[in-house]
Amino acid sequence: MQRQVSSQRTSLTKSNVAGALGVPPKANIQYLPSYRTEPRNPLNKERLELTMRTIMNRNYNDDYLFHPRQSCHLAAQVSEEIKNSIKLMNFDRYRYIVLVTVGELLMQGLCSMVNFLWDAEKDGFVTYSIKTPKFVAVCTIFYLYYD
């Protein structure tokens, strides 16, 4: 007959010590989930506008000349720069859509329309436009609350 020898040691945990001393174990406290509906760092519309104006004025100043190809790339860069600077502000629970439109003024018209289904209390937009005799640049930031 062979015997198997086990060399496992029992560790001294609180439950083992409490059981050895005859003390009943404490019941684990379980908390109900708390659902937070408000952001910890709420969106500040004024800071959003200031950031947008600063970046737009830096890129679309009096030295800017409209060129169809280069203007498209610059608008993409400006849009990305605005979005990244807003993300650095750490407004939690918000998603952003940054739209930059640039056009040359040659006696033409422009009509733009956007429709959203959103919460009127928490969602919104900020817009800023620069108009000179040679071009027009419009930036719109849509901020959408995401819970």
Protein backbone atom coordinates (compact mmCIF):
# COMPACT_ATOMS: atom_id res chain seq x y z
CA MET A 1 0.00 0.00 0.00
CA GLN A 2 1.26 3.39 -0.96
CA ARG A 3 0.35 6.58 0.81
CA GLN A 4 0.32 9.94 -0.79
CA VAL A 5 1.75 12.68 1.30
CA SER A 6 0.47 16.21 0.81
CA SER A 7 2.77 19.03 1.69
CA GLN A 8 0.28 21.87 1.40
CA ARG A 9 0.34 24.30 4.26
CA THR A 10 -2.72 26.14 5.37
CA SER A 11 -2.22 29.87 5.38
CA LEU A 12 -3.22 32.02 8.30
CA THR A 13 -5.90 34.24 6.92
CA LYS A 14 -8.48 36.17 8.89
CA SER A 15 -11.14 33.57 8.18
CA ASN A 16 -8.91 30.67 9.29
CA VAL A 17 -7.87 32.47 12.48
CA ALA A 18 -11.44 33.56 13.22
CA GLY A 19 -12.71 30.02 12.63
CA ALA A 20 -10.02 28.57 14.88
CA LEU A 21 -10.90 31.01 17.67
CA GLY A 22 -14.63 30.37 17.33
CA VAL A 23 -15.47 33.91 16.20
CA PRO A 24 -18.19 34.06 13.52
CA PRO A 25 -16.96 35.62 10.23
CA LYS A 26 -18.09 39.13 9.34
CA ALA A 27 -20.65 39.48 6.59
CA ASN A 28 -19.40 41.21 3.44
CA ILE A 29 -21.09 44.55 2.85
CA GLN A 30 -22.54 44.86 -0.62
CA TYR A 31 -23.42 48.26 -1.98
CA LEU A 32 -26.04 48.94 -4.60
CA PRO A 33 -24.71 50.34 -7.88
CA SER A 34 -24.86 54.10 -8.10
CA TYR A 35 -25.55 55.51 -11.52
CA ARG A 36 -24.12 58.95 -11.98
CA THR A 37 -25.98 61.00 -14.57
CA GLU A 38 -24.12 64.29 -14.26
CA PRO A 39 -20.51 64.85 -15.40
CA ARG A 40 -17.81 65.41 -12.80
CA ASN A 41 -16.16 68.02 -15.03
CA PRO A 42 -19.05 69.74 -16.84
CA LEU A 43 -18.55 71.39 -20.20
CA ASN A 44 -17.65 75.09 -20.09
CA LYS A 45 -19.05 76.74 -23.21
CA GLU A 46 -16.94 79.91 -22.77
CA ARG A 47 -13.67 77.94 -22.72
CA LEU A 48 -14.81 76.08 -25.83
CA GLU A 49 -15.51 79.36 -27.65
CA LEU A 50 -12.22 80.93 -26.56
CA THR A 51 -10.21 77.94 -27.78
CA MET A 52 -12.06 77.87 -31.09
CA ARG A 53 -11.60 81.63 -31.69
CA THR A 54 -7.91 81.53 -30.81
CA ILE A 55 -7.10 78.70 -33.21
CA MET A 56 -9.29 80.06 -36.01
CA ASN A 57 -7.81 83.58 -35.75
CA ARG A 58 -4.27 82.18 -35.73
CA ASN A 59 -4.80 80.18 -38.95
CA TYR A 60 -7.22 82.39 -40.89
CA ASN A 61 -5.71 85.84 -40.49
CA ASP A 62 -5.03 88.64 -43.02
CA ASP A 63 -2.06 86.73 -44.49
CA TYR A 64 -4.24 83.76 -45.53
CA LEU A 65 -4.85 83.27 -49.26
CA PHE A 66 -7.52 80.85 -50.43
CA HIS A 67 -6.36 77.96 -52.60
CA PRO A 68 -8.76 75.04 -53.22
CA ARG A 69 -6.34 72.20 -52.47
CA GLN A 70 -4.36 73.79 -49.67
CA SER A 71 -7.49 75.17 -48.01
CA CYS A 72 -8.96 71.68 -47.73
CA HIS A 73 -5.84 70.39 -45.97
CA LEU A 74 -5.65 73.43 -43.70
CA ALA A 75 -9.32 73.07 -42.73
CA ALA A 76 -8.67 69.42 -41.78
CA GLN A 77 -5.63 70.41 -39.70
CA VAL A 78 -7.50 73.24 -37.96
CA SER A 79 -10.43 70.93 -37.22
CA GLU A 80 -8.12 68.31 -35.73
CA GLU A 81 -6.22 70.92 -33.68
CA ILE A 82 -9.46 72.31 -32.23
CA LYS A 83 -10.73 68.82 -31.39
CA ASN A 84 -7.47 67.82 -29.68
CA SER A 85 -7.30 71.02 -27.63
CA ILE A 86 -10.90 70.50 -26.48
CA LYS A 87 -10.14 66.91 -25.49
CA LEU A 88 -7.24 68.16 -23.35
CA MET A 89 -9.74 70.14 -21.26
CA ASN A 90 -11.10 66.79 -19.99
CA PHE A 91 -14.79 67.55 -20.09
CA ASP A 92 -16.02 64.06 -19.25
CA ARG A 93 -18.96 62.34 -20.93
CA TYR A 94 -18.96 64.54 -24.03
CA ARG A 95 -18.29 63.71 -27.67
CA TYR A 96 -17.33 66.40 -30.17
CA ILE A 97 -17.88 67.05 -33.84
CA VAL A 98 -15.74 69.88 -35.22
CA LEU A 99 -16.70 71.21 -38.64
CA VAL A 100 -14.53 73.78 -40.43
CA THR A 101 -15.77 75.24 -43.72
CA VAL A 102 -13.69 77.61 -45.85
CA GLY A 103 -14.81 79.26 -49.07
CA GLU A 104 -13.65 81.95 -51.44
CA LEU A 105 -15.95 84.93 -51.89
CA LEU A 106 -16.68 85.25 -55.60
CA MET A 107 -20.33 86.38 -55.58
CA GLN A 108 -21.63 82.86 -54.89
CA GLY A 109 -24.06 81.63 -52.27
CA LEU A 110 -23.78 78.89 -49.71
CA CYS A 111 -26.51 77.10 -47.83
CA SER A 112 -25.77 74.53 -45.14
CA MET A 113 -28.13 72.61 -42.88
CA VAL A 114 -27.58 70.08 -40.12
CA ASN A 115 -30.22 68.05 -38.28
CA PHE A 116 -29.68 66.19 -35.03
CA LEU A 117 -31.73 64.32 -32.53
CA TRP A 118 -30.33 65.50 -29.22
CA ASP A 119 -31.07 66.44 -25.66
CA ALA A 120 -31.77 70.17 -25.53
CA GLU A 121 -30.48 70.48 -21.95
CA LYS A 122 -27.09 68.78 -22.33
CA ASP A 123 -26.21 68.91 -26.03
CA GLY A 124 -25.45 72.02 -28.05
CA PHE A 125 -23.18 73.79 -30.48
CA VAL A 126 -20.83 76.75 -30.71
CA THR A 127 -20.04 78.53 -33.94
CA TYR A 128 -17.57 81.19 -35.03
CA SER A 129 -17.05 82.77 -38.44
CA ILE A 130 -14.39 84.94 -40.02
CA LYS A 131 -15.41 86.95 -43.04
CA THR A 132 -12.99 89.01 -45.14
CA PRO A 133 -13.38 90.44 -48.65
CA LYS A 134 -11.50 87.42 -50.05
CA PHE A 135 -12.75 84.41 -48.07
CA VAL A 136 -15.08 83.18 -45.37
CA ALA A 137 -14.19 80.59 -42.70
CA VAL A 138 -16.80 79.06 -40.41
CA CYS A 139 -16.14 76.69 -37.52
CA THR A 140 -18.92 74.84 -35.71
CA ILE A 141 -18.41 72.59 -32.71
CA PHE A 142 -21.20 70.21 -31.76
CA TYR A 143 -20.94 68.77 -28.26
CA LEU A 144 -23.05 65.73 -27.44
CA TYR A 145 -23.53 64.34 -23.96
CA TYR A 146 -22.68 60.65 -23.80
CA ASP A 147 -23.79 58.69 -20.74
